[in-house]
Protein backbone atom coordinates (compact mmCIF):
# COMPACT_ATOMS: atom_id res chain seq x y z
CA MET A 1 -196.63 -92.83 92.10
CA SER A 2 -193.97 -92.97 95.65
CA MET A 3 -191.68 -94.91 96.46
CA ASN A 4 -192.09 -98.44 98.51
CA PRO A 5 -189.60 -99.13 100.72
CA VAL A 6 -190.48 -102.61 101.87
CA ALA A 7 -190.95 -103.20 98.29
CA VAL A 8 -187.71 -102.06 96.84
CA THR A 9 -186.33 -103.89 99.09
CA ILE A 10 -187.23 -107.48 98.68
CA PHE A 11 -186.70 -106.62 94.66
CA VAL A 12 -183.37 -105.46 94.71
CA ALA A 13 -182.14 -107.94 97.07
CA LEU A 14 -183.69 -110.84 95.20
CA PHE A 15 -182.17 -108.85 91.74
CA ALA A 16 -178.17 -109.32 93.64
CA PHE A 17 -178.83 -112.53 94.06
CA VAL A 18 -179.96 -113.75 90.70
CA THR A 19 -176.14 -111.17 90.22
CA LEU A 20 -174.35 -113.20 92.88
CA LEU A 21 -175.78 -116.28 90.66
CA GLY A 22 -174.91 -115.42 86.82
CA PHE A 23 -171.81 -114.83 87.94
CA GLY A 24 -171.31 -117.38 89.95
CA ALA A 25 -172.21 -119.97 87.05
CA SER A 26 -168.97 -119.91 85.44
CA ARG A 27 -167.78 -122.32 87.75
CA TRP A 28 -171.48 -124.69 87.17
CA ARG A 29 -170.21 -127.72 85.34
CA ARG A 30 -167.04 -126.52 84.07
CA GLY A 31 -165.58 -126.35 80.62
CA ASP A 32 -163.42 -123.65 79.07
CA LEU A 33 -165.11 -120.46 78.57
CA ASN A 34 -162.80 -119.90 75.58
CA HIS A 35 -164.36 -122.74 73.38
CA LEU A 36 -168.00 -121.12 72.12
CA HIS A 37 -169.57 -124.35 72.71
CA GLU A 38 -168.94 -124.13 76.14
CA TRP A 39 -169.90 -120.09 76.26
CA GLY A 40 -172.81 -120.51 74.21
CA LEU A 41 -174.18 -123.86 74.21
CA GLY A 42 -173.00 -124.94 78.33
CA GLY A 43 -170.57 -127.41 76.49
CA ARG A 44 -174.64 -129.15 75.45
CA ARG A 45 -174.69 -130.94 78.93
CA PHE A 46 -177.80 -129.92 80.17
CA GLY A 47 -180.14 -133.29 81.04
CA THR A 48 -183.86 -133.07 80.72
CA ILE A 49 -184.08 -130.92 84.25
CA VAL A 50 -182.00 -128.65 83.19
CA THR A 51 -182.89 -128.03 79.90
CA TRP A 52 -187.08 -127.77 81.11
CA PHE A 53 -186.00 -125.13 83.22
CA LEU A 54 -183.65 -123.59 80.49
CA LEU A 55 -186.10 -123.64 77.70
CA GLY A 56 -188.52 -122.31 80.14
CA GLY A 57 -186.87 -119.04 81.10
CA ASP A 58 -186.29 -118.97 77.09
CA LEU A 59 -189.16 -119.27 76.29
CA TYR A 60 -192.09 -117.82 78.51
CA THR A 61 -190.78 -114.19 79.30
CA ALA A 62 -191.85 -110.12 79.93
CA TYR A 63 -193.98 -111.81 77.05
CA THR A 64 -195.85 -113.53 80.01
CA PHE A 65 -195.96 -111.70 82.90
CA ILE A 66 -196.60 -107.85 80.60
CA ALA A 67 -197.25 -108.62 76.94
CA VAL A 68 -200.18 -111.50 76.81
CA PRO A 69 -202.27 -109.42 80.24
CA ALA A 70 -202.42 -106.55 77.88
CA LEU A 71 -203.48 -107.20 74.68
CA MET A 72 -206.41 -109.41 77.08
CA PHE A 73 -207.05 -105.76 78.87
CA GLY A 74 -207.20 -103.40 75.90
CA ALA A 75 -208.27 -105.93 73.56
CA GLY A 76 -210.28 -108.41 75.51
CA ALA A 77 -210.52 -112.05 73.80
CA MET A 78 -207.81 -111.65 70.77
CA GLY A 79 -205.26 -111.64 73.34
CA PHE A 80 -206.01 -115.35 74.38
CA PHE A 81 -204.33 -116.78 70.68
CA ALA A 82 -201.05 -116.70 72.95
CA VAL A 83 -202.32 -119.96 74.62
CA PRO A 84 -203.28 -122.61 71.83
CA TYR A 85 -200.41 -121.25 70.04
CA THR A 86 -198.25 -122.69 72.68
CA VAL A 87 -200.23 -125.27 72.92
CA LEU A 88 -199.28 -125.83 68.73
CA VAL A 89 -195.13 -125.55 69.65
CA TYR A 90 -195.29 -128.66 71.33
CA PRO A 91 -196.38 -131.52 69.08
CA LEU A 92 -193.99 -129.43 66.97
CA LEU A 93 -190.77 -129.55 69.01
CA PHE A 94 -191.09 -133.32 68.97
CA ALA A 95 -191.26 -133.88 65.60
CA VAL A 96 -188.60 -132.02 63.90
CA PHE A 97 -186.15 -130.69 66.43
CA PRO A 98 -184.99 -133.89 67.78
CA ARG A 99 -183.59 -134.20 63.94
CA LEU A 100 -181.57 -130.71 64.07
CA TRP A 101 -180.53 -131.36 67.37
CA ALA A 102 -178.78 -134.45 65.79
CA VAL A 103 -177.28 -133.39 62.66
CA ALA A 104 -175.82 -130.34 64.81
CA HIS A 105 -174.40 -132.61 67.23
CA ALA A 106 -172.92 -134.64 64.65
CA LYS A 107 -171.53 -132.14 62.89
CA GLY A 108 -170.57 -129.68 65.21
CA TYR A 109 -173.02 -126.81 64.53
CA VAL A 110 -173.68 -124.39 66.61
CA THR A 111 -176.41 -122.22 65.42
CA ALA A 112 -179.17 -122.85 62.60
CA ALA A 113 -176.98 -121.14 60.10
CA ASP A 114 -174.94 -123.17 60.58
CA PHE A 115 -177.31 -126.30 59.39
CA VAL A 116 -178.09 -124.35 56.69
CA ARG A 117 -174.63 -123.88 55.35
CA GLY A 118 -173.30 -127.90 55.52
CA ARG A 119 -177.24 -128.61 54.46
CA PHE A 120 -177.39 -126.77 50.44
CA GLY A 121 -173.56 -125.82 50.66
CA SER A 122 -174.76 -121.83 50.11
CA HIS A 123 -172.91 -118.98 51.79
CA THR A 124 -175.61 -116.89 51.52
CA LEU A 125 -179.04 -118.57 52.35
CA ALA A 126 -176.60 -119.17 55.38
CA LEU A 127 -175.74 -115.08 55.64
CA ALA A 128 -179.52 -114.62 55.09
CA VAL A 129 -180.47 -117.42 57.57
CA ALA A 130 -178.60 -115.38 60.44
CA VAL A 131 -179.36 -112.43 59.91
CA THR A 132 -182.79 -112.61 59.73
CA GLY A 133 -182.66 -114.27 63.87
CA ILE A 134 -180.07 -111.22 64.27
CA VAL A 135 -182.93 -108.59 63.25
CA ALA A 136 -185.68 -111.12 64.65
CA THR A 137 -184.18 -111.41 67.61
CA MET A 138 -183.92 -107.41 68.20
CA PRO A 139 -187.05 -106.45 69.21
CA TYR A 140 -187.92 -109.93 71.13
CA ILE A 141 -185.11 -108.46 73.45
CA ALA A 142 -186.57 -105.10 73.38
CA LEU A 143 -189.65 -106.84 75.29
CA GLN A 144 -187.45 -107.77 77.29
CA LEU A 145 -186.43 -104.45 78.29
CA VAL A 146 -189.85 -102.97 77.96
CA GLY A 147 -190.92 -105.21 81.39
CA MET A 148 -188.02 -103.85 83.31
CA GLU A 149 -188.62 -101.37 82.73
CA VAL A 150 -192.36 -101.37 83.27
CA VAL A 151 -191.69 -103.21 86.96
CA ILE A 152 -189.05 -100.56 87.90
CA ALA A 153 -191.07 -97.48 87.24
CA ALA A 154 -194.88 -99.09 88.55
CA LEU A 155 -192.21 -99.71 92.15
CA GLY A 156 -191.82 -95.09 92.14
CA ILE A 157 -187.92 -95.80 91.54
CA PRO A 158 -187.25 -92.58 89.33
CA MET A 159 -186.62 -93.43 86.17
CA THR A 160 -184.02 -90.71 85.44
CA MET A 161 -181.33 -89.46 88.49
CA THR A 162 -178.39 -86.99 88.54
CA ILE A 163 -175.11 -87.63 88.56
CA ALA A 164 -171.83 -85.65 89.28
CA GLY A 165 -174.96 -83.15 88.05
CA ILE A 166 -175.27 -85.28 84.85
CA ALA A 167 -178.97 -86.52 84.56
CA ILE A 168 -179.49 -89.81 83.53
CA PRO A 169 -182.73 -91.31 81.67
CA ASP A 170 -183.81 -94.26 82.30
CA ALA A 171 -180.88 -94.84 84.53
CA PRO A 172 -182.05 -97.97 86.85
CA LEU A 173 -182.76 -99.38 83.64
CA LEU A 174 -179.50 -98.91 82.71
CA VAL A 175 -178.59 -100.52 85.15
CA ALA A 176 -180.48 -104.35 85.47
CA PHE A 177 -179.01 -103.36 81.69
CA VAL A 178 -174.87 -103.85 82.97
CA VAL A 179 -175.42 -106.00 85.33
CA LEU A 180 -177.37 -108.15 82.52
CA ALA A 181 -174.30 -107.57 80.38
CA ALA A 182 -171.55 -108.35 82.07
CA TYR A 183 -172.87 -112.44 83.75
CA THR A 184 -173.80 -112.75 80.45
CA TYR A 185 -170.24 -112.06 79.19
CA ASN A 186 -168.66 -113.93 82.09
CA SER A 187 -170.42 -117.11 82.30
CA GLY A 188 -172.18 -117.39 78.83
CA LEU A 189 -175.84 -119.73 78.78
CA ARG A 190 -174.87 -122.23 81.92
CA ALA A 191 -175.90 -118.26 83.56
CA PRO A 192 -179.53 -118.03 82.61
CA ALA A 193 -179.39 -121.49 83.32
CA MET A 194 -178.89 -121.09 87.08
CA ILE A 195 -181.37 -118.00 86.93
CA ALA A 196 -184.07 -119.74 84.70
CA VAL A 197 -184.45 -121.98 87.99
CA VAL A 198 -184.88 -119.10 90.95
CA LYS A 199 -187.38 -117.19 88.21
CA ASP A 200 -189.89 -120.94 88.64
CA ALA A 201 -189.55 -120.83 91.99
CA LEU A 202 -190.20 -116.82 91.70
CA LEU A 203 -193.17 -117.32 88.92
CA TYR A 204 -195.11 -120.12 89.68
CA ILE A 205 -195.42 -118.42 93.55
CA THR A 206 -196.76 -115.19 91.94
CA ILE A 207 -199.00 -117.16 89.69
CA LEU A 208 -200.39 -119.30 92.55
CA ALA A 209 -200.88 -116.06 94.61
CA SER A 210 -202.50 -114.03 91.91
CA VAL A 211 -205.40 -115.98 90.85
CA ILE A 212 -206.32 -117.28 94.74
CA ILE A 213 -206.38 -114.09 95.96
CA ILE A 214 -206.99 -111.39 93.95
CA PRO A 215 -210.07 -113.62 92.04
CA ALA A 216 -211.29 -113.80 96.07
CA GLU A 217 -210.47 -110.45 96.51
CA LEU A 218 -212.74 -108.89 93.31
CA GLY A 219 -215.87 -111.42 94.42
CA GLY A 220 -214.50 -114.35 92.81
CA TYR A 221 -213.92 -115.39 88.37
CA ALA A 222 -218.22 -115.39 87.85
CA LYS A 223 -218.25 -111.20 88.76
CA ILE A 224 -214.89 -111.10 87.15
CA PHE A 225 -216.35 -112.17 83.76
CA ALA A 226 -219.70 -110.38 84.18
CA SER A 227 -217.71 -107.10 84.08
CA ILE A 228 -215.63 -107.68 80.94
CA ASP A 229 -217.61 -105.72 77.86
CA PRO A 230 -219.50 -108.52 76.16
CA LYS A 231 -218.08 -107.12 72.90
CA THR A 232 -214.48 -108.23 73.63
CA LEU A 233 -215.23 -111.39 76.80
CA LEU A 234 -215.56 -113.65 73.06
CA LEU A 235 -214.55 -112.52 69.54
CA PRO A 236 -217.03 -111.18 67.91
CA PRO A 237 -218.86 -113.04 64.53
CA SER A 238 -217.71 -112.59 61.18
CA GLN A 239 -219.25 -110.99 58.99
CA PRO A 240 -220.67 -111.72 55.50
CA GLY A 241 -217.73 -111.10 53.16
CA ASN A 242 -215.20 -111.44 56.19
CA LEU A 243 -213.94 -113.67 57.70
CA GLY A 244 -213.34 -111.19 60.81
CA PRO A 245 -211.71 -111.67 64.38
CA GLN A 246 -211.84 -115.38 63.93
CA ALA A 247 -209.48 -115.81 60.84
CA ALA A 248 -207.11 -113.28 62.56
CA TYR A 249 -207.07 -115.14 65.63
CA ALA A 250 -206.24 -118.82 64.17
CA THR A 251 -203.18 -116.91 62.00
CA LEU A 252 -201.93 -115.54 64.87
CA GLY A 253 -201.85 -119.14 67.10
CA LEU A 254 -200.68 -120.99 63.74
CA GLY A 255 -197.86 -118.23 62.53
CA SER A 256 -196.98 -117.47 65.74
CA ALA A 257 -196.53 -121.46 67.00
CA LEU A 258 -194.61 -121.82 63.47
CA ALA A 259 -192.36 -118.92 64.40
CA LEU A 260 -191.28 -119.25 67.98
CA LEU A 261 -189.05 -122.11 67.77
CA LEU A 262 -186.90 -120.91 64.33
CA TYR A 263 -185.80 -117.80 67.56
CA PRO A 264 -181.98 -117.77 67.45
CA HIS A 265 -182.90 -118.55 71.46
CA SER A 266 -184.93 -120.90 71.32
CA VAL A 267 -181.95 -123.51 69.08
CA THR A 268 -179.74 -121.80 71.26
CA GLY A 269 -181.39 -124.15 74.04
CA LEU A 270 -182.62 -127.23 72.18
CA LEU A 271 -179.14 -127.56 70.92
CA SER A 272 -177.25 -127.47 74.30
CA SER A 273 -179.71 -130.44 75.43
CA SER A 274 -177.05 -133.20 75.83
CA SER A 275 -179.85 -136.34 73.74
CA ARG A 276 -182.29 -136.08 71.92
CA GLN A 277 -184.55 -137.78 73.94
CA SER A 278 -183.81 -134.56 76.37
CA ILE A 279 -185.88 -132.66 73.58
CA LYS A 280 -188.50 -135.25 73.61
CA ARG A 281 -189.30 -135.15 77.02
CA ASN A 282 -189.22 -131.92 76.99
CA ALA A 283 -192.09 -131.61 73.99
CA VAL A 284 -193.67 -133.80 76.77
CA PHE A 285 -193.59 -131.78 80.49
CA LEU A 286 -193.35 -127.54 79.03
CA PRO A 287 -197.17 -128.37 78.29
CA ALA A 288 -197.41 -126.92 81.64
CA TYR A 289 -195.85 -123.52 80.93
CA SER A 290 -198.94 -123.21 79.04
CA PHE A 291 -201.35 -124.14 81.47
CA ALA A 292 -199.75 -121.23 83.74
CA LEU A 293 -199.57 -118.99 80.33
CA GLY A 294 -203.22 -119.40 80.23
CA LEU A 295 -203.67 -118.44 84.46
CA ILE A 296 -201.31 -115.23 83.34
CA ALA A 297 -203.79 -113.75 81.17
CA LEU A 298 -206.24 -114.34 82.96
CA LEU A 299 -204.75 -111.87 84.66
CA GLY A 300 -206.07 -108.95 82.14
CA TYR A 301 -209.57 -109.96 82.49
CA MET A 302 -208.56 -109.09 86.94
CA ALA A 303 -207.38 -105.89 85.88
CA VAL A 304 -210.40 -104.42 84.16
CA ALA A 305 -212.32 -105.91 86.62
CA ALA A 306 -210.37 -104.22 89.13
CA GLY A 307 -210.39 -100.95 88.07
CA VAL A 308 -207.22 -100.26 87.96
CA LYS A 309 -206.96 -97.27 84.94
CA ALA A 310 -209.38 -94.97 86.30
CA MET A 311 -207.57 -95.10 90.13
CA PRO A 312 -205.49 -91.62 90.71
CA GLU A 313 -202.66 -93.23 92.08
CA PHE A 314 -202.37 -94.99 88.48
CA ALA A 315 -203.23 -92.21 86.18
CA ALA A 316 -198.77 -91.65 85.17
CA GLY A 317 -198.12 -95.44 85.15
CA PHE A 318 -200.68 -96.15 81.87
CA LYS A 319 -200.27 -92.85 80.67
CA ALA A 320 -196.41 -93.14 79.84
CA PHE A 321 -196.92 -97.26 79.47
CA GLY A 322 -199.90 -97.61 78.67
CA ASN A 323 -201.79 -101.10 78.22
CA ASN A 324 -198.42 -102.80 79.62
CA PHE A 325 -198.42 -101.15 83.12
CA ALA A 326 -202.11 -103.08 84.01
CA VAL A 327 -200.71 -106.17 85.20
CA PRO A 328 -198.05 -103.89 88.06
CA ALA A 329 -200.99 -101.14 88.99
CA LEU A 330 -203.32 -105.03 89.76
CA PHE A 331 -200.46 -106.05 91.89
CA LEU A 332 -200.39 -102.60 93.29
CA HIS A 333 -203.74 -102.70 94.48
CA SER A 334 -204.06 -106.16 95.16
CA PHE A 335 -201.05 -107.54 97.49
CA PRO A 336 -199.30 -106.13 100.10
CA ALA A 337 -195.84 -104.36 99.31
CA TRP A 338 -193.37 -107.12 100.59
CA PHE A 339 -195.19 -109.69 98.04
CA VAL A 340 -195.13 -106.47 95.46
CA GLY A 341 -191.16 -107.08 96.15
CA ILE A 342 -191.30 -110.69 94.65
CA ALA A 343 -194.28 -110.30 92.87
CA PHE A 344 -192.43 -107.52 90.45
CA ALA A 345 -188.49 -109.54 90.94
CA ALA A 346 -190.93 -113.07 89.65
CA ILE A 347 -191.72 -110.47 85.79
CA ALA A 348 -187.38 -108.40 85.49
CA ILE A 349 -185.97 -112.23 86.48
CA GLY A 350 -188.37 -113.47 83.75
CA ALA A 351 -186.70 -110.15 81.73
CA LEU A 352 -183.08 -110.86 82.66
CA VAL A 353 -183.33 -114.68 81.96
CA PRO A 354 -184.31 -114.20 77.95
CA ALA A 355 -182.40 -111.65 76.68
CA ALA A 356 -179.60 -113.25 77.82
CA ILE A 357 -180.15 -115.97 75.85
CA MET A 358 -181.36 -114.20 72.86
CA SER A 359 -177.85 -112.72 73.26
CA ILE A 360 -175.55 -114.98 73.70
CA ALA A 361 -178.08 -116.40 70.75
CA CYS A 362 -177.04 -113.67 68.13
CA ALA A 363 -173.88 -113.38 69.77
CA ASN A 364 -173.59 -117.31 68.28
CA LEU A 365 -174.70 -116.70 64.47
CA PHE A 366 -172.96 -113.40 64.05
CA THR A 367 -169.24 -115.56 65.36
CA ARG A 368 -170.01 -118.76 63.54
CA ASN A 369 -172.15 -116.97 60.26
CA ILE A 370 -170.60 -113.37 60.16
CA TYR A 371 -167.41 -113.09 61.35
CA LYS A 372 -165.75 -116.49 61.04
CA GLU A 373 -167.55 -116.98 57.55
CA TYR A 374 -166.57 -113.63 55.93
CA ILE A 375 -163.65 -111.92 57.90
CA ASP A 376 -161.16 -113.83 60.04
CA PRO A 377 -162.28 -117.56 59.26
CA ALA A 378 -158.80 -118.43 60.76
CA ALA A 379 -160.30 -116.99 64.12
CA SER A 380 -158.85 -119.10 67.10
CA HIS A 381 -161.28 -120.58 69.21
CA GLU A 382 -160.71 -117.73 71.78
CA ARG A 383 -160.95 -115.24 69.38
CA GLU A 384 -164.04 -116.76 67.64
CA CYS A 385 -165.81 -116.34 71.68
CA ASN A 386 -164.29 -113.09 72.56
CA VAL A 387 -165.78 -111.95 69.72
CA ALA A 388 -169.22 -113.38 70.55
CA LYS A 389 -168.71 -112.03 74.00
CA ILE A 390 -167.93 -108.31 72.71
CA VAL A 391 -171.66 -108.65 70.36
CA SER A 392 -173.40 -109.93 73.50
CA LEU A 393 -173.38 -106.52 74.17
CA VAL A 394 -173.87 -104.58 70.56
CA VAL A 395 -177.31 -106.60 70.92
CA LYS A 396 -178.61 -105.26 73.52
CA ILE A 397 -177.82 -102.15 72.58
CA GLY A 398 -179.61 -102.23 69.37
CA ALA A 399 -182.46 -103.72 70.92
CA LEU A 400 -183.45 -100.28 72.70
CA PHE A 401 -183.79 -99.07 68.84
CA PHE A 402 -186.85 -100.43 68.70
CA ILE A 403 -188.11 -99.40 71.95
CA ILE A 404 -187.64 -95.71 71.12
CA GLU A 405 -188.94 -96.48 67.70
CA LEU A 406 -191.63 -98.11 67.75
CA PRO A 407 -194.86 -97.71 69.09
CA THR A 408 -195.32 -99.87 72.56
CA GLN A 409 -199.38 -99.33 73.52
CA TYR A 410 -199.11 -102.89 73.53
CA ALA A 411 -195.14 -105.04 74.05
CA ILE A 412 -196.65 -107.87 71.80
CA GLN A 413 -196.70 -106.15 68.71
CA LEU A 414 -192.30 -106.16 69.63
CA GLN A 415 -193.10 -109.97 69.39
CA LEU A 416 -195.25 -110.30 66.86
CA LEU A 417 -193.61 -108.08 64.97
CA GLY A 418 -189.67 -110.45 64.86
CA GLY A 419 -192.04 -113.40 64.48
CA ILE A 420 -192.82 -111.80 60.69
CA TRP A 421 -189.57 -111.82 60.61
CA ILE A 422 -188.23 -114.96 61.62
CA VAL A 423 -190.55 -117.50 59.78
CA GLN A 424 -189.22 -116.57 57.06
CA THR A 425 -186.01 -119.63 57.56
CA LEU A 426 -188.57 -121.85 58.08
CA PRO A 427 -188.22 -123.41 54.53
CA SER A 428 -184.38 -123.74 54.79
CA VAL A 429 -183.77 -125.01 58.13
CA VAL A 430 -187.12 -126.51 58.79
CA LEU A 431 -187.83 -128.16 55.91
CA GLY A 432 -184.77 -128.52 54.76
CA LEU A 433 -184.29 -130.98 57.29
CA TYR A 434 -186.64 -133.41 55.78
CA THR A 435 -185.70 -133.34 52.18
CA ARG A 436 -182.37 -131.58 49.82
CA ARG A 437 -184.35 -131.00 46.92
CA LEU A 438 -184.97 -127.61 47.37
CA TYR A 439 -182.86 -125.63 45.79
CA PRO A 440 -180.37 -122.85 47.64
CA MET A 441 -181.15 -119.82 45.01
CA ALA A 442 -184.99 -120.51 45.57
CA LEU A 443 -184.58 -120.60 49.11
CA LEU A 444 -182.86 -117.30 49.09
CA ILE A 445 -185.74 -116.04 46.31
CA GLY A 446 -188.17 -117.49 48.23
CA TRP A 447 -186.69 -115.59 51.71
CA PHE A 448 -186.53 -112.44 50.32
CA SER A 449 -189.99 -112.72 48.81
CA GLY A 450 -191.33 -113.47 52.10
CA ILE A 451 -189.22 -110.83 54.62
CA GLY A 452 -189.70 -108.18 51.62
CA ALA A 453 -193.80 -109.13 52.34
CA GLY A 454 -194.17 -109.06 55.73
CA THR A 455 -192.41 -106.41 56.35
CA TYR A 456 -194.49 -104.37 53.95
CA MET A 457 -197.91 -105.09 55.75
CA ALA A 458 -196.27 -104.19 58.52
CA TYR A 459 -195.46 -100.25 57.46
CA LEU A 460 -198.28 -100.52 56.25
CA ASN A 461 -199.83 -100.96 59.49
CA ALA A 462 -197.17 -98.10 60.58
CA PHE A 463 -195.82 -101.35 62.58
CA LYS A 464 -198.75 -101.09 65.02
CA SER A 465 -199.97 -104.04 64.13
CA SER A 466 -199.28 -107.21 62.60
CA ILE A 467 -202.53 -108.01 60.58
CA PHE A 468 -203.39 -107.27 57.97
CA ALA A 469 -206.40 -107.71 55.68
CA LEU A 470 -206.22 -109.44 52.28
CA ASN A 471 -208.33 -109.24 50.60
CA ILE A 472 -209.30 -112.85 48.41
CA PHE A 473 -211.31 -113.65 45.81
CA GLY A 474 -213.87 -110.72 47.15
CA THR A 475 -213.62 -112.29 50.96
CA ILE A 476 -211.76 -109.81 53.84
CA VAL A 477 -209.28 -112.49 55.24
CA PRO A 478 -207.70 -110.21 57.94
CA CYS A 479 -204.37 -112.86 58.45
CA TYR A 480 -201.16 -112.69 60.13
CA ALA A 481 -199.00 -111.18 58.18
CA ALA A 482 -196.10 -114.22 59.25
CA LEU A 483 -198.44 -116.03 57.95
CA SER A 484 -199.51 -115.09 54.34
CA SER A 485 -195.78 -113.89 54.59
CA LEU A 486 -194.71 -117.70 54.51
CA ILE A 487 -197.53 -119.51 52.09
CA LEU A 488 -195.91 -116.48 49.51
CA ASN A 489 -191.83 -118.22 50.72
CA ILE A 490 -192.72 -121.61 50.96
CA VAL A 491 -195.23 -121.29 46.94
CA VAL A 492 -191.63 -119.40 45.59
CA ALA A 493 -189.27 -121.90 47.14
CA ILE A 494 -191.07 -124.60 45.82
CA VAL A 495 -191.98 -123.51 42.47
CA LEU A 496 -188.55 -122.09 41.95
CA SER A 497 -186.64 -125.18 43.60
CA ALA A 498 -188.55 -127.62 40.25
CA VAL A 499 -187.39 -124.89 37.43
CA PHE A 500 -183.30 -124.79 38.91
CA ASN A 501 -183.35 -128.40 38.93
CA ALA A 502 -184.14 -128.82 35.69
CA LEU A 503 -182.12 -127.14 34.40
CA SER A 504 -178.72 -127.06 36.50
CA ARG A 505 -176.43 -129.76 35.78
CA ALA A 506 -174.62 -129.28 39.09
CA PRO A 507 -174.52 -132.23 41.60
CA HIS A 508 -176.07 -130.80 44.78
CA VAL A 509 -173.80 -129.63 48.05
CA ASP A 510 -174.59 -131.65 51.24
CA ALA A 511 -172.25 -132.21 54.44
CA THR A 512 -174.81 -134.36 55.61
CA THR A 513 -175.46 -138.13 56.01
CA ALA A 514 -178.45 -139.46 56.60
CA GLU A 515 -177.20 -141.12 59.22
CA ASP A 516 -176.33 -137.54 60.94
CA TYR A 517 -180.69 -136.95 61.86
CA ALA A 518 -180.59 -140.86 63.39
């Protein structure tokens, strides 16, 4: 595709603007950025409004604009599972996570693994939670990079550039990576918190234009739905002896909802809030994003109705990026160049904000629960923070592995793969908020069982799908591997806890008290 100078100019201008915001954020709500709780949690001073933008930027990512519509475009109604799952998340947020904020605030915890270490007195269990968080977040960061890569290519910017006679592949993505790394290193969590405001403004402008202008061009929503193959417009009925796509849809929704708030970047966003009331208020306000997600998902059907896959000018894009190219192609086909620049900037910035938070969250985990726990227990605040800044750079490089090694026909698979792993921390983190009766070794064995089973199911699917068909008493149940492996995890943890508690006479070690959760 040829470069569109108008779209590229607007895109670069908006990208440059948020870059300046990112660097300037270090002066916003000043604090000593040589302390991890200032750099990695924004000093825990974000109120309801800032937390709303931060969590919105945190949870609604390139996954929203690229991955979900791509699944709708290629697989039909199954892709709509993302909407009910985000609806299920917020009651969980309201009921559970103010307790985590309270105990973290009382004890100075920076990560979920800090809480597990204090609650169960187990270095090893905390290490398992930390490593799981880091590894599970890598494919999620990779998804953001895929989103940026797709829109950069759609603008016609050459992905390979020659500098001083040396060909540099993915050069624009490398530039975006360096910029992201630089302002994350400089400003910590304050940078994505400030940029999230701009991201949301661009996001809602793009959504409103898309759901009004594109359907009008295509003859209305009735014609859009009429253009979809009836076999994919709705989930096909199940067959005798096979619960079919309905089971897959339901388990994807429930499993993803249980996983989302356990991700390190979600925990980081929540713990940066100034009060538990801010978290409760956001549990009420954040469903506005779920409504927006439902509208965005329909872009996949709009792309089918517009016939973008058959247009020769987009053949190279679909060949390179598969169905992930559906929304960029739709925007290029439907909007003038100047608005394409705005829309693509919204997608790219919508990838940068969560990528920054994710890298900070992984850095917090490594520094607090690996480096300081096992390598340098006497590390000063400044040393601790410097290590976190360096790690925030390294994890972005690690995310590139998932882009290179895993199939990305559907970018959403990167997020679903991470969900299989991170949900295995639920017994230690969520159940641990309510009971100390679970035995640390039992939780560790349950975690290992869940990780092993979930990864094995994904492996049997060649990491191309996270739905694994279980045979339960002769009935085939297609199930999201995260949910089935979590059930195994919980059963193992509860059964072994009963055994170990009966055999052990040692007192439980718990650094928290009932008052810490209030």
